[in-house]
Protein backbone atom coordinates (compact mmCIF):
# COMPACT_ATOMS: atom_id res chain seq x y z
CA MET A 1 42.74 25.94 48.50
CA LYS A 2 46.06 27.68 47.83
CA LYS A 3 47.06 24.89 45.47
CA GLN A 4 43.85 25.32 43.42
CA LYS A 5 44.35 29.09 43.35
CA GLY A 6 47.92 28.58 42.16
CA LYS A 7 46.75 26.30 39.34
CA PHE A 8 44.12 28.85 38.31
CA THR A 9 46.66 31.69 38.13
CA ASP A 10 49.02 29.47 36.16
CA ILE A 11 46.27 28.70 33.65
CA VAL A 12 45.39 32.41 33.31
CA PHE A 13 49.06 33.33 32.92
CA LEU A 14 49.59 30.58 30.31
CA SER A 15 46.50 31.66 28.39
CA ILE A 16 47.52 35.33 28.27
CA THR A 17 51.10 34.65 27.21
CA ALA A 18 50.01 32.07 24.62
CA PHE A 19 47.47 34.51 23.19
CA THR A 20 50.04 37.29 22.86
CA ALA A 21 52.55 34.93 21.26
CA PHE A 22 50.14 33.46 18.71
CA SER A 23 48.68 36.90 17.96
CA ILE A 24 52.00 37.81 16.29
CA ILE A 25 51.64 34.83 13.98
CA ALA A 26 48.02 35.74 13.28
CA ILE A 27 48.92 39.36 12.48
CA SER A 28 51.71 38.32 10.12
CA PHE A 29 49.45 35.85 8.39
CA GLY A 30 46.71 38.48 8.17
CA ILE A 31 49.09 40.94 6.49
CA PHE A 32 50.12 38.24 4.01
CA VAL A 33 46.48 37.41 3.19
CA VAL A 34 45.47 41.07 2.71
CA LEU A 35 48.45 41.87 0.49
CA PHE A 36 47.92 38.72 -1.57
CA LYS A 37 44.20 39.35 -1.99
CA GLU A 38 44.65 42.98 -3.03
CA SER A 39 47.45 41.98 -5.43
CA LEU A 40 45.40 39.38 -7.30
CA PRO A 41 44.11 41.71 -10.08
CA ALA A 42 47.68 42.79 -10.90
CA MET A 43 48.93 39.20 -10.65
CA ASN A 44 46.27 38.00 -13.08
CA LYS A 45 46.95 40.81 -15.55
CA PHE A 46 50.76 41.02 -15.50
CA GLY A 47 51.82 37.65 -14.07
CA PHE A 48 54.98 37.20 -12.04
CA GLU A 49 57.78 37.49 -14.59
CA GLY A 50 55.88 40.08 -16.60
CA PHE A 51 55.65 42.29 -13.51
CA ILE A 52 59.09 41.97 -11.92
CA PHE A 53 61.02 42.24 -15.23
CA SER A 54 59.02 45.07 -16.78
CA THR A 55 60.38 48.63 -16.62
CA GLU A 56 57.11 50.34 -17.59
CA TRP A 57 55.15 52.29 -15.00
CA ASP A 58 52.42 54.19 -16.79
CA PRO A 59 49.19 54.82 -14.82
CA VAL A 60 47.53 56.39 -17.87
CA GLN A 61 48.02 53.29 -20.03
CA GLU A 62 47.52 51.02 -16.97
CA THR A 63 50.86 49.33 -17.56
CA PHE A 64 52.96 48.61 -14.51
CA GLY A 65 56.31 46.93 -13.90
CA ALA A 66 58.36 46.48 -10.75
CA ALA A 67 61.91 46.18 -12.12
CA PRO A 68 63.13 49.77 -11.45
CA ALA A 69 61.73 49.84 -7.92
CA LEU A 70 63.04 46.37 -7.01
CA ILE A 71 66.49 47.07 -8.46
CA GLY A 72 66.66 50.45 -6.72
CA THR A 73 65.73 48.78 -3.43
CA LEU A 74 68.41 46.11 -3.81
CA ILE A 75 71.13 48.57 -4.89
CA THR A 76 70.58 51.01 -2.02
CA SER A 77 70.41 48.17 0.51
CA PHE A 78 73.54 46.48 -0.89
CA PHE A 79 75.67 49.62 -0.82
CA ALA A 80 74.31 50.53 2.62
CA LEU A 81 75.51 47.16 3.93
CA LEU A 82 78.82 47.57 2.12
CA LEU A 83 79.42 50.79 4.02
CA ALA A 84 77.82 49.86 7.34
CA VAL A 85 79.12 46.35 8.06
CA PRO A 86 82.87 47.17 8.33
CA ILE A 87 82.17 50.24 10.48
CA ALA A 88 79.70 48.40 12.72
CA THR A 89 82.07 45.44 13.11
CA GLY A 90 84.90 47.79 14.05
CA ILE A 91 82.69 49.47 16.64
CA ALA A 92 81.72 46.10 18.13
CA ILE A 93 85.35 44.95 18.28
CA PHE A 94 86.43 48.18 19.94
CA ILE A 95 83.67 47.97 22.56
CA THR A 96 84.22 44.32 23.44
CA GLU A 97 87.98 43.91 23.12
CA ILE A 98 89.78 47.26 23.24
CA ALA A 99 87.83 50.04 24.97
CA PRO A 100 88.35 50.59 28.72
CA SER A 101 85.39 49.85 30.93
CA PHE A 102 84.30 53.46 31.41
CA LEU A 103 84.08 53.98 27.62
CA LYS A 104 82.07 50.84 26.83
CA GLY A 105 78.88 52.14 28.40
CA ILE A 106 79.21 55.58 26.83
CA ILE A 107 79.77 54.26 23.31
CA GLY A 108 77.07 51.61 23.70
CA THR A 109 74.55 54.25 24.80
CA ALA A 110 75.52 56.54 21.92
CA ILE A 111 74.97 53.73 19.43
CA GLU A 112 71.55 52.95 20.90
CA LEU A 113 70.56 56.64 20.77
CA LEU A 114 71.55 56.71 17.09
CA ALA A 115 69.01 53.95 16.47
CA ALA A 116 66.30 55.97 18.25
CA ILE A 117 66.43 58.94 15.85
CA PRO A 118 63.26 59.00 13.68
CA SER A 119 63.83 58.21 10.02
CA ILE A 120 62.25 61.46 8.85
CA ILE A 121 64.96 63.36 10.75
CA TYR A 122 67.59 61.41 8.83
CA GLY A 123 65.78 62.29 5.61
CA MET A 124 65.62 66.02 6.35
CA TRP A 125 69.25 66.05 7.45
CA GLY A 126 70.18 64.19 4.29
CA LEU A 127 68.33 66.60 2.01
CA PHE A 128 69.38 69.90 3.58
CA THR A 129 72.85 69.04 4.93
CA LEU A 130 74.33 65.90 3.43
CA ALA A 131 73.11 66.29 -0.18
CA PRO A 132 74.79 69.70 -0.72
CA ILE A 133 78.04 68.36 0.77
CA MET A 134 77.84 65.31 -1.46
CA SER A 135 77.20 67.34 -4.63
CA ARG A 136 79.93 69.93 -3.98
CA TYR A 137 82.74 67.90 -2.46
CA ILE A 138 82.36 64.16 -2.03
CA GLU A 139 80.84 63.06 -5.33
CA PRO A 140 83.20 65.23 -7.49
CA PHE A 141 86.10 63.79 -5.48
CA PHE A 142 84.98 60.23 -6.26
CA GLN A 143 84.58 61.13 -9.93
CA SER A 144 88.08 62.54 -10.13
CA THR A 145 89.72 59.63 -8.28
CA ILE A 146 87.98 56.24 -8.23
CA GLY A 147 85.83 57.28 -11.18
CA LYS A 148 88.94 57.33 -13.39
CA LEU A 149 89.62 53.62 -12.85
CA PRO A 150 88.46 51.26 -15.63
CA LEU A 151 86.24 49.05 -13.49
CA PHE A 152 84.65 51.88 -11.50
CA ASN A 153 84.10 54.63 -14.06
CA LYS A 154 80.55 53.49 -14.82
CA LEU A 155 79.59 53.69 -11.15
CA PHE A 156 80.42 57.39 -10.91
CA GLU A 157 79.15 58.73 -14.21
CA GLY A 158 76.71 61.62 -14.48
CA THR A 159 76.19 64.96 -12.82
CA PRO A 160 76.73 64.94 -9.04
CA LEU A 161 73.53 66.47 -7.67
CA GLY A 162 73.52 64.89 -4.21
CA VAL A 163 69.98 63.54 -4.66
CA ASP A 164 70.83 60.07 -5.87
CA LEU A 165 71.55 56.46 -4.98
CA PHE A 166 74.90 57.26 -3.38
CA THR A 167 73.48 59.71 -0.84
CA ALA A 168 70.54 57.41 -0.09
CA SER A 169 72.94 54.51 0.52
CA ILE A 170 75.04 56.57 2.93
CA ILE A 171 71.98 57.62 4.94
CA LEU A 172 70.76 54.02 5.06
CA SER A 173 74.19 52.85 6.20
CA ILE A 174 74.15 55.35 9.08
CA MET A 175 70.70 54.12 10.07
CA ILE A 176 71.60 50.42 10.15
CA ILE A 177 75.00 50.76 11.83
CA PRO A 178 73.44 50.67 15.35
CA PHE A 179 71.57 47.42 14.65
CA THR A 180 74.58 45.67 13.12
CA ALA A 181 76.95 46.93 15.81
CA SER A 182 74.66 45.92 18.68
CA ILE A 183 74.14 42.37 17.42
CA ALA A 184 77.84 41.99 16.55
CA ARG A 185 78.76 43.19 20.05
CA ASP A 186 76.42 40.65 21.65
CA SER A 187 77.81 37.91 19.40
CA PHE A 188 81.40 38.79 20.34
CA ASN A 189 80.45 38.71 24.03
CA LEU A 190 79.27 35.10 23.57
CA THR A 191 82.86 34.02 22.90
CA PRO A 192 83.98 32.02 25.98
CA ALA A 193 86.52 33.97 28.01
CA VAL A 194 88.62 30.82 28.49
CA LEU A 195 89.33 30.68 24.74
CA LYS A 196 90.60 34.25 24.65
CA GLU A 197 92.58 33.86 27.87
CA SER A 198 94.20 30.71 26.52
CA ALA A 199 95.21 32.53 23.35
CA TYR A 200 96.70 35.41 25.31
CA ALA A 201 98.51 32.92 27.55
CA ILE A 202 100.42 31.42 24.60
CA GLY A 203 101.49 34.86 23.39
CA ALA A 204 98.78 35.84 20.90
CA THR A 205 98.32 39.53 20.22
CA LYS A 206 94.96 41.29 20.51
CA TRP A 207 94.64 41.32 16.70
CA GLU A 208 95.34 37.57 16.54
CA VAL A 209 92.77 36.87 19.24
CA VAL A 210 90.11 38.89 17.41
CA LYS A 211 90.99 37.40 13.99
CA ASN A 212 91.48 33.76 15.02
CA ILE A 213 89.21 33.35 18.05
CA VAL A 214 86.48 35.97 18.32
CA MET A 215 85.55 36.41 14.64
CA PRO A 216 85.34 32.68 13.71
CA TYR A 217 83.36 31.89 16.86
CA SER A 218 80.90 34.76 16.32
CA LYS A 219 80.55 34.76 12.53
CA LEU A 220 77.04 33.26 12.50
CA GLY A 221 75.76 35.87 14.92
CA VAL A 222 77.35 38.67 12.92
CA LEU A 223 75.80 37.33 9.71
CA GLY A 224 72.44 37.21 11.46
CA GLY A 225 72.85 40.83 12.47
CA VAL A 226 73.71 41.74 8.90
CA GLY A 227 70.53 40.01 7.73
CA LEU A 228 68.39 41.89 10.26
CA SER A 229 70.00 45.15 9.17
CA LEU A 230 69.29 44.28 5.55
CA GLY A 231 65.63 43.80 6.44
CA ARG A 232 65.66 47.25 8.06
CA ALA A 233 67.26 48.78 4.97
CA LEU A 234 64.77 47.15 2.59
CA GLY A 235 61.82 48.62 4.45
CA GLU A 236 63.11 52.14 5.04
CA THR A 237 60.90 54.83 3.49
CA MET A 238 61.08 58.44 4.65
CA ALA A 239 64.84 58.78 4.97
CA VAL A 240 65.28 57.50 1.42
CA ALA A 241 62.34 59.41 -0.06
CA PHE A 242 63.99 62.75 0.64
CA VAL A 243 67.24 62.07 -1.21
CA LEU A 244 66.55 59.43 -3.87
CA GLY A 245 64.66 61.44 -6.49
CA ASN A 246 61.91 58.86 -7.18
CA LEU A 247 62.76 58.42 -10.87
CA ASN A 248 61.25 55.28 -12.39
CA GLN A 249 64.23 53.98 -14.34
CA ILE A 250 66.91 51.34 -13.85
CA PRO A 251 69.96 53.22 -12.57
CA THR A 252 73.31 52.82 -14.34
CA SER A 253 75.35 54.98 -11.95
CA LEU A 254 75.44 55.75 -8.24
CA PHE A 255 74.79 59.38 -9.18
CA ASP A 256 71.45 58.56 -10.80
CA ALA A 257 68.11 59.32 -9.22
CA ALA A 258 66.07 56.17 -8.74
CA ALA A 259 63.08 54.66 -6.94
CA THR A 260 62.59 51.99 -4.31
CA VAL A 261 59.50 49.98 -3.48
CA THR A 262 58.83 51.85 -0.24
CA VAL A 263 59.35 55.28 -1.79
CA LYS A 264 57.02 54.46 -4.68
CA LEU A 265 54.36 53.26 -2.26
CA ALA A 266 54.66 56.36 -0.10
CA ASN A 267 54.55 58.78 -3.04
CA GLU A 268 51.87 57.15 -5.18
CA PHE A 269 49.47 55.31 -2.89
CA THR A 270 47.14 58.30 -2.48
CA GLU A 271 47.24 58.96 -6.24
CA ALA A 272 46.07 55.47 -7.23
CA ASP A 273 42.66 56.30 -8.74
CA LYS A 274 42.19 53.02 -10.66
CA ASP A 275 41.78 49.52 -9.32
CA ILE A 276 44.67 48.06 -11.33
CA TYR A 277 46.93 50.93 -10.25
CA LEU A 278 46.14 50.28 -6.59
CA SER A 279 46.52 46.54 -7.07
CA SER A 280 49.94 47.02 -8.66
CA LEU A 281 51.08 48.99 -5.62
CA TYR A 282 49.80 46.20 -3.39
CA TYR A 283 51.71 43.77 -5.59
CA LEU A 284 54.90 45.75 -4.96
CA ALA A 285 54.19 45.68 -1.22
CA PHE A 286 53.56 41.94 -1.38
CA LEU A 287 56.89 41.31 -3.11
CA LEU A 288 58.68 43.44 -0.52
CA PHE A 289 56.94 41.54 2.29
CA ILE A 290 58.07 38.20 0.88
CA MET A 291 61.61 39.48 0.32
CA SER A 292 61.93 40.93 3.83
CA PHE A 293 60.33 37.91 5.50
CA THR A 294 62.74 35.55 3.74
CA ILE A 295 65.82 37.60 4.64
CA LEU A 296 64.76 37.99 8.27
CA ALA A 297 64.01 34.26 8.56
CA ILE A 298 67.49 33.41 7.27
CA ALA A 299 69.05 35.95 9.65
CA LYS A 300 67.14 34.47 12.59
CA LEU A 301 68.34 31.01 11.61
CA PHE A 302 71.94 32.21 11.75
CA LEU A 303 71.35 33.76 15.17
CA LEU A 304 69.80 30.55 16.52
CA LYS A 305 72.76 28.53 15.26
CA ALA A 306 75.13 30.99 16.92
CA GLU A 307 73.27 30.65 20.25
CA ARG A 308 73.40 26.84 20.07
CA LYS A 309 77.10 26.95 19.30
């Protein structure tokens, strides 16, 4: 009797867990189908290349192109990673290899709390606090120093207003530092202690152990964390919407206002009064879904390889 009852509970438990697991796949597939279906009118009218390479976005003339929004999304995400990855890696190294035991928990908790702050709070802080500081001090400083160099002068042209790509990238970098740092820390902790102890035993310094042992062993995990952070940056909306300016043009400087896919969707979705307008917004969302899904899949592949190693 007990054996039959045990088999029944096992079957129920297996059914529930299998249902919850496969429901994630079903939801993802459902999102893909809905976005694809709603995007079909825009796909049929503008095509693929005609949509992603066009810079026109004119609801009156019913002409839409995704190039400014896609380029703005990629630029903000790229510069956010450029700023966040070195800082997050340094944090992870300090926590795992340098910090005393009583500090590790404090810093780890602080990093996790940083990830828990709502994005709209970051956006409001960026608009009312960071943007004025950027326009008065930081951006003029970059113009007068790095902006004078031949290869960098184009990046820092224009009037420093604080509501631009540069400020949006900094806010995004602050938001993704906790994710990158947490995954990098976990990857560093996977390094076998015997390897590090052996290196110390033959006279290696802490820097040499980190550079020659920890970093090479954990590089796949760190790259996976960078990919997951990139997916977070691509999909961020409210924090960027406050400080980006939502200007539909291809930016030529970090001090230019621009648009991203998520900001354009948030600002214009309720204004889409024509079917082709709404379909074009769905088309943008569909492209972002494919982009994010691909990046996250690659990042997960790196993490799986790191675990196997």
